[in-house]
Amino acid sequence: MGLTVGIDVGGTKVAGGVVDDSGNVLQSDVRKTVGRDPEALEGSIIELINEYKLSYEVEAVGVGFAGFIDEKRSRVLMAANLGWKDEPLKAALESQVGLPVVVENDANAAAWGEYRFGGDDIPLDMVCVTVGTGIGGGLILGGHLYRGAHGVAAEFGHLCVEPEGRLCGCGNRGCWEQYASGNALVREARQLAADRRAEAQILLGLGDGSPEGVSGKHVTEAARLDDPVALAAFDYLAGWLGQGIADLTSLLDPACFIIGGGVSEAGDLLLGPTRRAFSAALSGGGTRPSPQIRLAKLGNAAGLVGAADLARI
């Protein structure tokens, strides 16, 4: 198969691209997510696909979606951060674009993209953790994408890490993504900035001067400028992320963890403290082999590249 379209739908944006069979992105675009309106969001996806059809001979479409996807890769069963339930996304798109469509969980798509195109050193057993609006997970076991009996395996973001903790969009409390996601980073940074205004001048100055005006990009930029409050927010997130990865290691014993998603753009600001927290939390640390923890080589393109490649299968 020749060119395919990859679409990556997250909690805040829709990324699309035309991808060849070597994983090269020939064109890419980003649109703002139209949150809890399935029809409007589907319209944005359709618009992107039809734009690509005008310039490229595309043969199929793969959609990575931040939610639970059924075993047939057709319906969005639930999307906690978008408010979707039981939406027939595949049918809705195919009826409008005239191309075969495959729908997959966005972190599964990112894991597949990294496995296929992330380099020759990608192991056969690895875990992808995407840190964005929420937390997504993807499992490559023995060189195959593991989806579970019903298509919804590896939903790590909804593991309960704090019983009776923060309310999650899925309806439960204390989910991992409430403490180790992009939303959690911003929430912690705003709270710290309110409590420690004198130390948060760089962070507050990047926004409108108020804690409420702080965004994720502000936290990353301020941390790069050594703002102590922004760095403390990253340490908070990394502590939870490292603990979760240590727990997943005890369960799965993978060769490698790939960290992707929007927050991973912070690079070593995220990876350094996450590795330290992981080492401190790993059961039997120092007596057992440890997995690598590294950033996604495809960066934020992993999801759309993986989705585009899954459309070829």
C-alpha atoms as a PDB file:
ATOM      1  CA  MET A   1       0.000   0.000   0.000  1.00  0.00           C
ATOM      2  CA  GLY A   2       1.217   3.503  -0.798  1.00  0.00           C
ATOM      3  CA  LEU A   3       0.352   6.687   1.083  1.00  0.00           C
ATOM      4  CA  THR A   4      -2.010   6.669   4.039  1.00  0.00           C
ATOM      5  CA  VAL A   5      -3.384   9.347   6.340  1.00  0.00           C
ATOM      6  CA  GLY A   6      -2.687   9.262  10.062  1.00  0.00           C
ATOM      7  CA  ILE A   7      -4.891  11.166  12.506  1.00  0.00           C
ATOM      8  CA  ASP A   8      -4.004  11.556  16.184  1.00  0.00           C
ATOM      9  CA  VAL A   9      -6.887  12.781  18.355  1.00  0.00           C
ATOM     10  CA  GLY A  10      -5.978  13.932  21.862  1.00  0.00           C
ATOM     11  CA  GLY A  11      -7.674  15.885  24.598  1.00  0.00           C
ATOM     12  CA  THR A  12      -6.691  19.297  23.229  1.00  0.00           C
ATOM     13  CA  LYS A  13      -5.744  18.852  19.563  1.00  0.00           C
ATOM     14  CA  VAL A  14      -6.147  16.829  16.389  1.00  0.00           C
ATOM     15  CA  ALA A  15      -2.925  16.163  14.483  1.00  0.00           C
ATOM     16  CA  GLY A  16      -3.038  14.803  10.966  1.00  0.00           C
ATOM     17  CA  GLY A  17      -0.507  13.823   8.352  1.00  0.00           C
ATOM     18  CA  VAL A  18       0.195  12.014   5.112  1.00  0.00           C
ATOM     19  CA  VAL A  19       2.653   9.164   5.715  1.00  0.00           C
ATOM     20  CA  ASP A  20       4.541   6.897   3.330  1.00  0.00           C
ATOM     21  CA  ASP A  21       5.337   3.229   3.950  1.00  0.00           C
ATOM     22  CA  SER A  22       8.720   4.114   5.497  1.00  0.00           C
ATOM     23  CA  GLY A  23       7.100   6.234   8.199  1.00  0.00           C
ATOM     24  CA  ASN A  24       8.019   9.564   6.619  1.00  0.00           C
ATOM     25  CA  VAL A  25       5.489  12.368   7.203  1.00  0.00           C
ATOM     26  CA  LEU A  26       5.020  14.230   3.924  1.00  0.00           C
ATOM     27  CA  GLN A  27       2.633  16.847   5.310  1.00  0.00           C
ATOM     28  CA  SER A  28       1.196  17.463   8.755  1.00  0.00           C
ATOM     29  CA  ASP A  29      -1.337  19.802  10.331  1.00  0.00           C
ATOM     30  CA  VAL A  30      -2.764  20.482  13.783  1.00  0.00           C
ATOM     31  CA  ARG A  31      -6.278  21.574  14.703  1.00  0.00           C
ATOM     32  CA  LYS A  32      -7.799  22.365  18.071  1.00  0.00           C
ATOM     33  CA  THR A  33      -9.950  19.582  19.503  1.00  0.00           C
ATOM     34  CA  VAL A  34     -13.678  20.323  19.597  1.00  0.00           C
ATOM     35  CA  GLY A  35     -14.147  18.611  22.959  1.00  0.00           C
ATOM     36  CA  ARG A  36     -17.505  17.085  23.815  1.00  0.00           C
ATOM     37  CA  ASP A  37     -19.188  17.458  20.429  1.00  0.00           C
ATOM     38  CA  PRO A  38     -18.623  14.251  18.415  1.00  0.00           C
ATOM     39  CA  GLU A  39     -20.157  15.676  15.257  1.00  0.00           C
ATOM     40  CA  ALA A  40     -17.930  18.765  15.303  1.00  0.00           C
ATOM     41  CA  LEU A  41     -14.799  16.721  16.018  1.00  0.00           C
ATOM     42  CA  GLU A  42     -15.641  14.255  13.281  1.00  0.00           C
ATOM     43  CA  GLY A  43     -16.077  17.259  10.983  1.00  0.00           C
ATOM     44  CA  SER A  44     -12.526  18.443  11.760  1.00  0.00           C
ATOM     45  CA  ILE A  45     -11.126  14.983  10.997  1.00  0.00           C
ATOM     46  CA  ILE A  46     -13.083  14.725   7.751  1.00  0.00           C
ATOM     47  CA  GLU A  47     -11.906  18.173   6.700  1.00  0.00           C
ATOM     48  CA  LEU A  48      -8.260  17.189   7.209  1.00  0.00           C
ATOM     49  CA  ILE A  49      -8.636  13.924   5.290  1.00  0.00           C
ATOM     50  CA  ASN A  50     -10.386  15.605   2.374  1.00  0.00           C
ATOM     51  CA  GLU A  51      -7.678  18.267   2.211  1.00  0.00           C
ATOM     52  CA  TYR A  52      -5.020  15.558   1.925  1.00  0.00           C
ATOM     53  CA  LYS A  53      -7.000  13.790  -0.803  1.00  0.00           C
ATOM     54  CA  LEU A  54      -6.735  16.921  -2.945  1.00  0.00           C
ATOM     55  CA  SER A  55      -2.930  16.770  -2.991  1.00  0.00           C
ATOM     56  CA  TYR A  56      -2.059  13.103  -2.481  1.00  0.00           C
ATOM     57  CA  GLU A  57      -3.267   9.715  -3.687  1.00  0.00           C
ATOM     58  CA  VAL A  58      -4.027   8.310  -0.240  1.00  0.00           C
ATOM     59  CA  GLU A  59      -5.404   4.807   0.073  1.00  0.00           C
ATOM     60  CA  ALA A  60      -6.568   4.463   3.675  1.00  0.00           C
ATOM     61  CA  VAL A  61      -6.888   6.294   6.989  1.00  0.00           C
ATOM     62  CA  GLY A  62      -5.744   5.350  10.475  1.00  0.00           C
ATOM     63  CA  VAL A  63      -7.133   7.248  13.456  1.00  0.00           C
ATOM     64  CA  GLY A  64      -5.494   7.137  16.867  1.00  0.00           C
ATOM     65  CA  PHE A  65      -8.091   8.254  19.415  1.00  0.00           C
ATOM     66  CA  ALA A  66      -7.650   9.026  23.113  1.00  0.00           C
ATOM     67  CA  GLY A  67     -10.182   6.563  24.458  1.00  0.00           C
ATOM     68  CA  PHE A  68     -11.359   2.955  24.713  1.00  0.00           C
ATOM     69  CA  ILE A  69     -11.662   1.410  21.230  1.00  0.00           C
ATOM     70  CA  ASP A  70     -13.561  -1.806  20.566  1.00  0.00           C
ATOM     71  CA  GLU A  71     -11.940  -5.053  19.395  1.00  0.00           C
ATOM     72  CA  LYS A  72     -13.018  -4.394  15.782  1.00  0.00           C
ATOM     73  CA  ARG A  73     -11.156  -1.055  15.708  1.00  0.00           C
ATOM     74  CA  SER A  74     -14.367   0.678  14.836  1.00  0.00           C
ATOM     75  CA  ARG A  75     -16.153   2.323  17.789  1.00  0.00           C
ATOM     76  CA  VAL A  76     -15.041   4.713  20.514  1.00  0.00           C
ATOM     77  CA  LEU A  77     -16.466   3.006  23.580  1.00  0.00           C
ATOM     78  CA  MET A  78     -15.466   5.787  25.980  1.00  0.00           C
ATOM     79  CA  ALA A  79     -13.187   8.819  25.920  1.00  0.00           C
ATOM     80  CA  ALA A  80     -12.806  10.173  29.450  1.00  0.00           C
ATOM     81  CA  ASN A  81     -11.247  13.512  28.510  1.00  0.00           C
ATOM     82  CA  LEU A  82     -13.610  14.181  25.606  1.00  0.00           C
ATOM     83  CA  GLY A  83     -16.896  12.966  27.051  1.00  0.00           C
ATOM     84  CA  TRP A  84     -17.559  10.453  24.258  1.00  0.00           C
ATOM     85  CA  LYS A  85     -19.478   7.199  24.734  1.00  0.00           C
ATOM     86  CA  ASP A  86     -20.153   4.478  22.150  1.00  0.00           C
ATOM     87  CA  GLU A  87     -19.509   6.543  19.023  1.00  0.00           C
ATOM     88  CA  PRO A  88     -19.316   4.679  15.649  1.00  0.00           C
ATOM     89  CA  LEU A  89     -16.325   6.679  14.431  1.00  0.00           C
ATOM     90  CA  LYS A  90     -15.181   4.303  11.673  1.00  0.00           C
ATOM     91  CA  ALA A  91     -18.575   4.266   9.971  1.00  0.00           C
ATOM     92  CA  ALA A  92     -19.028   8.008  10.350  1.00  0.00           C
ATOM     93  CA  LEU A  93     -15.695   8.759   8.675  1.00  0.00           C
ATOM     94  CA  GLU A  94     -15.897   6.135   5.926  1.00  0.00           C
ATOM     95  CA  SER A  95     -19.288   7.432   4.817  1.00  0.00           C
ATOM     96  CA  GLN A  96     -17.816  10.892   4.270  1.00  0.00           C
ATOM     97  CA  VAL A  97     -14.297  10.325   2.921  1.00  0.00           C
ATOM     98  CA  GLY A  98     -14.747   7.235   0.741  1.00  0.00           C
ATOM     99  CA  LEU A  99     -11.666   5.470   2.121  1.00  0.00           C
ATOM    100  CA  PRO A 100     -11.183   2.486   4.463  1.00  0.00           C
ATOM    101  CA  VAL A 101     -10.676   3.663   8.049  1.00  0.00           C
ATOM    102  CA  VAL A 102      -9.085   1.925  11.022  1.00  0.00           C
ATOM    103  CA  VAL A 103      -9.620   3.346  14.524  1.00  0.00           C
ATOM    104  CA  GLU A 104      -7.151   2.548  17.291  1.00  0.00           C
ATOM    105  CA  ASN A 105      -6.336   3.865  20.744  1.00  0.00           C
ATOM    106  CA  ASP A 106      -3.890   6.768  20.404  1.00  0.00           C
ATOM    107  CA  ALA A 107      -1.246   5.310  22.727  1.00  0.00           C
ATOM    108  CA  ASN A 108      -1.476   1.949  20.955  1.00  0.00           C
ATOM    109  CA  ALA A 109      -0.879   3.799  17.703  1.00  0.00           C
ATOM    110  CA  ALA A 110       2.097   5.644  19.218  1.00  0.00           C
ATOM    111  CA  ALA A 111       3.561   2.382  20.520  1.00  0.00           C
ATOM    112  CA  TRP A 112       3.223   0.818  17.076  1.00  0.00           C
ATOM    113  CA  GLY A 113       4.772   3.864  15.404  1.00  0.00           C
ATOM    114  CA  GLU A 114       7.783   3.714  17.721  1.00  0.00           C
ATOM    115  CA  TYR A 115       8.146  -0.039  17.272  1.00  0.00           C
ATOM    116  CA  ARG A 116       8.005   0.172  13.490  1.00  0.00           C
ATOM    117  CA  PHE A 117       9.985   3.351  12.885  1.00  0.00           C
ATOM    118  CA  GLY A 118      11.720   4.352  16.126  1.00  0.00           C
ATOM    119  CA  GLY A 119      15.068   2.756  15.254  1.00  0.00           C
ATOM    120  CA  ASP A 120      16.771  -0.616  14.878  1.00  0.00           C
ATOM    121  CA  ASP A 121      17.307  -0.940  18.629  1.00  0.00           C
ATOM    122  CA  ILE A 122      13.611  -1.099  19.580  1.00  0.00           C
ATOM    123  CA  PRO A 123      13.099  -4.375  21.497  1.00  0.00           C
ATOM    124  CA  LEU A 124      10.344  -6.913  20.873  1.00  0.00           C
ATOM    125  CA  ASP A 125       8.895  -6.278  24.343  1.00  0.00           C
ATOM    126  CA  MET A 126       8.313  -2.643  25.228  1.00  0.00           C
ATOM    127  CA  VAL A 127       5.787  -0.340  26.863  1.00  0.00           C
ATOM    128  CA  CYS A 128       4.769   3.064  25.560  1.00  0.00           C
ATOM    129  CA  VAL A 129       3.443   5.599  28.074  1.00  0.00           C
ATOM    130  CA  THR A 130       2.030   8.776  26.546  1.00  0.00           C
ATOM    131  CA  VAL A 131       1.902  11.757  28.883  1.00  0.00           C
ATOM    132  CA  GLY A 132      -0.489  14.346  27.535  1.00  0.00           C
ATOM    133  CA  THR A 133      -3.876  15.639  28.674  1.00  0.00           C
ATOM    134  CA  GLY A 134      -4.189  12.227  30.328  1.00  0.00           C
ATOM    135  CA  ILE A 135      -2.004   9.121  30.328  1.00  0.00           C
ATOM    136  CA  GLY A 136      -2.188   6.484  27.625  1.00  0.00           C
ATOM    137  CA  GLY A 137      -0.479   3.128  27.354  1.00  0.00           C
ATOM    138  CA  GLY A 138       0.548   0.777  24.582  1.00  0.00           C
ATOM    139  CA  LEU A 139       2.066  -2.712  24.798  1.00  0.00           C
ATOM    140  CA  ILE A 140       4.305  -4.390  22.251  1.00  0.00           C
ATOM    141  CA  LEU A 141       4.795  -8.028  23.275  1.00  0.00           C
ATOM    142  CA  GLY A 142       6.908 -10.300  21.126  1.00  0.00           C
ATOM    143  CA  GLY A 143       6.759  -7.770  18.309  1.00  0.00           C
ATOM    144  CA  HIS A 144       2.962  -7.630  18.290  1.00  0.00           C
ATOM    145  CA  LEU A 145       0.603  -4.906  19.494  1.00  0.00           C
ATOM    146  CA  TYR A 146      -1.294  -6.368  22.443  1.00  0.00           C
ATOM    147  CA  ARG A 147      -4.911  -5.125  22.545  1.00  0.00           C
ATOM    148  CA  GLY A 148      -6.518  -7.555  24.997  1.00  0.00           C
ATOM    149  CA  ALA A 149      -9.678  -9.615  24.573  1.00  0.00           C
ATOM    150  CA  HIS A 150     -11.913  -6.586  24.010  1.00  0.00           C
ATOM    151  CA  GLY A 151      -9.470  -4.092  22.497  1.00  0.00           C
ATOM    152  CA  VAL A 152      -8.972  -1.993  25.631  1.00  0.00           C
ATOM    153  CA  ALA A 153      -5.748  -3.339  27.147  1.00  0.00           C
ATOM    154  CA  ALA A 154      -2.994  -1.090  28.550  1.00  0.00           C
ATOM    155  CA  GLU A 155      -5.270   1.677  29.837  1.00  0.00           C
ATOM    156  CA  PHE A 156      -2.635   2.516  32.428  1.00  0.00           C
ATOM    157  CA  GLY A 157      -3.921   6.022  33.001  1.00  0.00           C
ATOM    158  CA  HIS A 158      -6.935   4.590  34.783  1.00  0.00           C
ATOM    159  CA  LEU A 159      -5.077   2.403  37.246  1.00  0.00           C
ATOM    160  CA  CYS A 160      -6.086   3.487  40.737  1.00  0.00           C
ATOM    161  CA  VAL A 161      -3.037   4.864  42.549  1.00  0.00           C
ATOM    162  CA  GLU A 162      -4.823   6.881  45.253  1.00  0.00           C
ATOM    163  CA  PRO A 163      -8.039   5.333  46.597  1.00  0.00           C
ATOM    164  CA  GLU A 164     -10.647   8.054  47.169  1.00  0.00           C
ATOM    165  CA  GLY A 165      -8.303  10.469  45.379  1.00  0.00           C
ATOM    166  CA  ARG A 166      -9.056  13.027  42.689  1.00  0.00           C
ATOM    167  CA  LEU A 167     -12.138  12.493  40.550  1.00  0.00           C
ATOM    168  CA  CYS A 168     -11.239  11.337  37.030  1.00  0.00           C
ATOM    169  CA  GLY A 169     -13.150  11.916  33.811  1.00  0.00           C
ATOM    170  CA  CYS A 170     -13.757   8.151  33.647  1.00  0.00           C
ATOM    171  CA  GLY A 171     -15.953   8.445  36.760  1.00  0.00           C
ATOM    172  CA  ASN A 172     -13.569   6.769  39.204  1.00  0.00           C
ATOM    173  CA  ARG A 173     -11.263   8.401  41.732  1.00  0.00           C
ATOM    174  CA  GLY A 174      -7.511   8.330  42.136  1.00  0.00           C
ATOM    175  CA  CYS A 175      -6.555   7.344  38.574  1.00  0.00           C
ATOM    176  CA  TRP A 176      -2.853   7.602  37.699  1.00  0.00           C
ATOM    177  CA  GLU A 177      -3.488  10.259  35.067  1.00  0.00           C
ATOM    178  CA  GLN A 178      -4.861  12.585  37.723  1.00  0.00           C
ATOM    179  CA  TYR A 179      -1.330  12.794  39.173  1.00  0.00           C
ATOM    180  CA  ALA A 180       1.102  12.203  36.309  1.00  0.00           C
ATOM    181  CA  SER A 181      -0.377  13.883  33.211  1.00  0.00           C
ATOM    182  CA  GLY A 182      -0.159  17.260  31.529  1.00  0.00           C
ATOM    183  CA  ASN A 183      -3.319  18.331  33.340  1.00  0.00           C
ATOM    184  CA  ALA A 184      -1.748  17.287  36.648  1.00  0.00           C
ATOM    185  CA  LEU A 185       1.419  19.256  35.860  1.00  0.00           C
ATOM    186  CA  VAL A 186      -0.537  22.452  35.213  1.00  0.00           C
ATOM    187  CA  ARG A 187      -2.742  21.968  38.274  1.00  0.00           C
ATOM    188  CA  GLU A 188       0.274  21.470  40.527  1.00  0.00           C
ATOM    189  CA  ALA A 189       2.150  24.412  39.006  1.00  0.00           C
ATOM    190  CA  ARG A 190      -0.830  26.726  39.528  1.00  0.00           C
ATOM    191  CA  GLN A 191      -1.223  25.635  43.143  1.00  0.00           C
ATOM    192  CA  LEU A 192       2.485  26.057  43.866  1.00  0.00           C
ATOM    193  CA  ALA A 193       2.514  29.441  42.150  1.00  0.00           C
ATOM    194  CA  ALA A 194      -0.378  30.585  44.338  1.00  0.00           C
ATOM    195  CA  ASP A 195       1.397  29.386  47.483  1.00  0.00           C
ATOM    196  CA  ARG A 196       4.907  30.564  46.506  1.00  0.00           C
ATOM    197  CA  ARG A 197       4.353  33.704  44.425  1.00  0.00           C
ATOM    198  CA  ALA A 198       7.694  35.252  45.320  1.00  0.00           C
ATOM    199  CA  GLU A 199       9.538  32.259  43.850  1.00  0.00           C
ATOM    200  CA  ALA A 200       7.316  31.968  40.776  1.00  0.00           C
ATOM    201  CA  GLN A 201       8.045  35.265  39.073  1.00  0.00           C
ATOM    202  CA  ILE A 202       9.393  33.708  35.874  1.00  0.00           C
ATOM    203  CA  LEU A 203       6.480  31.278  35.631  1.00  0.00           C
ATOM    204  CA  LEU A 204       3.820  33.904  36.360  1.00  0.00           C
ATOM    205  CA  GLY A 205       5.452  36.385  34.016  1.00  0.00           C
ATOM    206  CA  LEU A 206       5.049  34.012  31.073  1.00  0.00           C
ATOM    207  CA  GLY A 207       1.278  34.101  31.502  1.00  0.00           C
ATOM    208  CA  ASP A 208      -1.008  36.909  32.618  1.00  0.00           C
ATOM    209  CA  GLY A 209       0.557  37.216  36.070  1.00  0.00           C
ATOM    210  CA  SER A 210      -2.004  35.009  37.809  1.00  0.00           C
ATOM    211  CA  PRO A 211      -1.721  31.321  38.749  1.00  0.00           C
ATOM    212  CA  GLU A 212      -4.832  30.646  36.668  1.00  0.00           C
ATOM    213  CA  GLY A 213      -3.038  31.990  33.588  1.00  0.00           C
ATOM    214  CA  VAL A 214      -0.305  29.349  33.746  1.00  0.00           C
ATOM    215  CA  SER A 215      -0.348  26.793  30.906  1.00  0.00           C
ATOM    216  CA  GLY A 216       1.651  23.643  30.255  1.00  0.00           C
ATOM    217  CA  LYS A 217       3.960  25.434  27.835  1.00  0.00           C
ATOM    218  CA  HIS A 218       4.613  28.099  30.464  1.00  0.00           C
ATOM    219  CA  VAL A 219       5.630  25.448  32.999  1.00  0.00           C
ATOM    220  CA  THR A 220       8.104  23.872  30.587  1.00  0.00           C
ATOM    221  CA  GLU A 221       9.551  27.212  29.488  1.00  0.00           C
ATOM    222  CA  ALA A 222       9.884  28.433  33.069  1.00  0.00           C
ATOM    223  CA  ALA A 223      11.550  25.178  34.154  1.00  0.00           C
ATOM    224  CA  ARG A 224      14.119  25.623  31.383  1.00  0.00           C
ATOM    225  CA  LEU A 225      14.817  29.049  32.900  1.00  0.00           C
ATOM    226  CA  ASP A 226      15.325  27.426  36.343  1.00  0.00           C
ATOM    227  CA  ASP A 227      12.129  28.751  37.888  1.00  0.00           C
ATOM    228  CA  PRO A 228      11.992  26.820  41.211  1.00  0.00           C
ATOM    229  CA  VAL A 229       8.217  26.483  41.223  1.00  0.00           C
ATOM    230  CA  ALA A 230       8.097  25.096  37.670  1.00  0.00           C
ATOM    231  CA  LEU A 231      10.892  22.660  38.524  1.00  0.00           C
ATOM    232  CA  ALA A 232       8.995  21.577  41.631  1.00  0.00           C
ATOM    233  CA  ALA A 233       5.908  20.906  39.503  1.00  0.00           C
ATOM    234  CA  PHE A 234       7.961  18.664  37.207  1.00  0.00           C
ATOM    235  CA  ASP A 235       9.390  16.848  40.228  1.00  0.00           C
ATOM    236  CA  TYR A 236       5.836  16.244  41.470  1.00  0.00           C
ATOM    237  CA  LEU A 237       4.700  14.794  38.140  1.00  0.00           C
ATOM    238  CA  ALA A 238       7.902  12.767  37.711  1.00  0.00           C
ATOM    239  CA  GLY A 239       7.529  11.266  41.176  1.00  0.00           C
ATOM    240  CA  TRP A 240       4.139   9.832  40.260  1.00  0.00           C
ATOM    241  CA  LEU A 241       5.285   8.834  36.783  1.00  0.00           C
ATOM    242  CA  GLY A 242       8.385   7.030  38.056  1.00  0.00           C
ATOM    243  CA  GLN A 243       6.366   5.189  40.705  1.00  0.00           C
ATOM    244  CA  GLY A 244       3.848   4.028  38.101  1.00  0.00           C
ATOM    245  CA  ILE A 245       6.544   2.840  35.726  1.00  0.00           C
ATOM    246  CA  ALA A 246       8.153   0.887  38.585  1.00  0.00           C
ATOM    247  CA  ASP A 247       4.820  -0.818  39.283  1.00  0.00           C
ATOM    248  CA  LEU A 248       4.378  -1.660  35.595  1.00  0.00           C
ATOM    249  CA  THR A 249       7.898  -3.110  35.581  1.00  0.00           C
ATOM    250  CA  SER A 250       6.962  -5.472  38.398  1.00  0.00           C
ATOM    251  CA  LEU A 251       3.948  -6.589  36.369  1.00  0.00           C
ATOM    252  CA  LEU A 252       5.341  -6.750  32.828  1.00  0.00           C
ATOM    253  CA  ASP A 253       9.172  -6.799  33.001  1.00  0.00           C
ATOM    254  CA  PRO A 254       9.623  -5.057  29.617  1.00  0.00           C
ATOM    255  CA  ALA A 255      12.974  -4.286  28.033  1.00  0.00           C
ATOM    256  CA  CYS A 256      12.091  -0.652  27.498  1.00  0.00           C
ATOM    257  CA  PHE A 257       9.651   2.133  28.368  1.00  0.00           C
ATOM    258  CA  ILE A 258       9.067   4.743  25.684  1.00  0.00           C
ATOM    259  CA  ILE A 259       7.747   8.059  27.023  1.00  0.00           C
ATOM    260  CA  GLY A 260       5.734  10.042  24.486  1.00  0.00           C
ATOM    261  CA  GLY A 261       2.911  12.566  24.419  1.00  0.00           C
ATOM    262  CA  GLY A 262       2.989  16.344  24.600  1.00  0.00           C
ATOM    263  CA  VAL A 263       4.673  16.585  28.013  1.00  0.00           C
ATOM    264  CA  SER A 264       7.596  14.504  26.731  1.00  0.00           C
ATOM    265  CA  GLU A 265       8.668  17.552  24.715  1.00  0.00           C
ATOM    266  CA  ALA A 266      10.152  18.782  28.000  1.00  0.00           C
ATOM    267  CA  GLY A 267      12.920  16.206  27.468  1.00  0.00           C
ATOM    268  CA  ASP A 268      15.321  15.778  30.380  1.00  0.00           C
ATOM    269  CA  LEU A 269      13.195  18.047  32.581  1.00  0.00           C
ATOM    270  CA  LEU A 270      10.773  15.122  32.652  1.00  0.00           C
ATOM    271  CA  LEU A 271      13.044  12.167  31.996  1.00  0.00           C
ATOM    272  CA  GLY A 272      15.728  12.901  34.622  1.00  0.00           C
ATOM    273  CA  PRO A 273      13.485  13.077  37.705  1.00  0.00           C
ATOM    274  CA  THR A 274      11.307  10.252  36.347  1.00  0.00           C
ATOM    275  CA  ARG A 275      14.303   7.933  36.147  1.00  0.00           C
ATOM    276  CA  ARG A 276      15.343   8.874  39.686  1.00  0.00           C
ATOM    277  CA  ALA A 277      11.837   8.269  41.033  1.00  0.00           C
ATOM    278  CA  PHE A 278      11.673   4.960  39.173  1.00  0.00           C
ATOM    279  CA  SER A 279      14.994   3.767  40.629  1.00  0.00           C
ATOM    280  CA  ALA A 280      13.871   4.663  44.140  1.00  0.00           C
ATOM    281  CA  ALA A 281      10.519   2.884  43.740  1.00  0.00           C
ATOM    282  CA  LEU A 282      11.491  -0.290  41.841  1.00  0.00           C
ATOM    283  CA  SER A 283      10.938  -3.429  43.873  1.00  0.00           C
ATOM    284  CA  GLY A 284      14.238  -5.291  44.230  1.00  0.00           C
ATOM    285  CA  GLY A 285      16.110  -2.442  42.573  1.00  0.00           C
ATOM    286  CA  GLY A 286      19.800  -3.257  42.206  1.00  0.00           C
ATOM    287  CA  THR A 287      19.115  -7.018  42.214  1.00  0.00           C
ATOM    288  CA  ARG A 288      17.187  -7.297  38.968  1.00  0.00           C
ATOM    289  CA  PRO A 289      17.632  -6.101  35.367  1.00  0.00           C
ATOM    290  CA  SER A 290      15.990  -2.729  34.806  1.00  0.00           C
ATOM    291  CA  PRO A 291      14.312  -1.533  31.630  1.00  0.00           C
ATOM    292  CA  GLN A 292      15.496   1.466  29.694  1.00  0.00           C
ATOM    293  CA  ILE A 293      13.384   4.600  30.051  1.00  0.00           C
ATOM    294  CA  ARG A 294      13.684   6.858  27.047  1.00  0.00           C
ATOM    295  CA  LEU A 295      11.828   9.431  25.007  1.00  0.00           C
ATOM    296  CA  ALA A 296       9.873   8.596  21.889  1.00  0.00           C
ATOM    297  CA  LYS A 297      12.194   9.077  18.924  1.00  0.00           C
ATOM    298  CA  LEU A 298       9.281  10.104  16.730  1.00  0.00           C
ATOM    299  CA  GLY A 299       8.199  12.678  19.299  1.00  0.00           C
ATOM    300  CA  ASN A 300       4.618  13.862  18.958  1.00  0.00           C
ATOM    301  CA  ALA A 301       4.440  12.350  15.465  1.00  0.00           C
ATOM    302  CA  ALA A 302       4.476   8.790  16.850  1.00  0.00           C
ATOM    303  CA  GLY A 303       0.693   8.573  17.130  1.00  0.00           C
ATOM    304  CA  LEU A 304      -0.170   9.704  13.622  1.00  0.00           C
ATOM    305  CA  VAL A 305       2.678   7.690  12.075  1.00  0.00           C
ATOM    306  CA  GLY A 306       1.571   4.567  13.928  1.00  0.00           C
ATOM    307  CA  ALA A 307      -2.078   5.123  13.034  1.00  0.00           C
ATOM    308  CA  ALA A 308      -1.169   5.581   9.377  1.00  0.00           C
ATOM    309  CA  ASP A 309       0.830   2.346   9.409  1.00  0.00           C
ATOM    310  CA  LEU A 310      -1.967   0.388  11.115  1.00  0.00           C
ATOM    311  CA  ALA A 311      -4.226   1.424   8.221  1.00  0.00           C
ATOM    312  CA  ARG A 312      -1.978  -0.719   5.978  1.00  0.00           C
ATOM    313  CA  ILE A 313      -2.429  -3.909   7.984  1.00  0.00           C
END
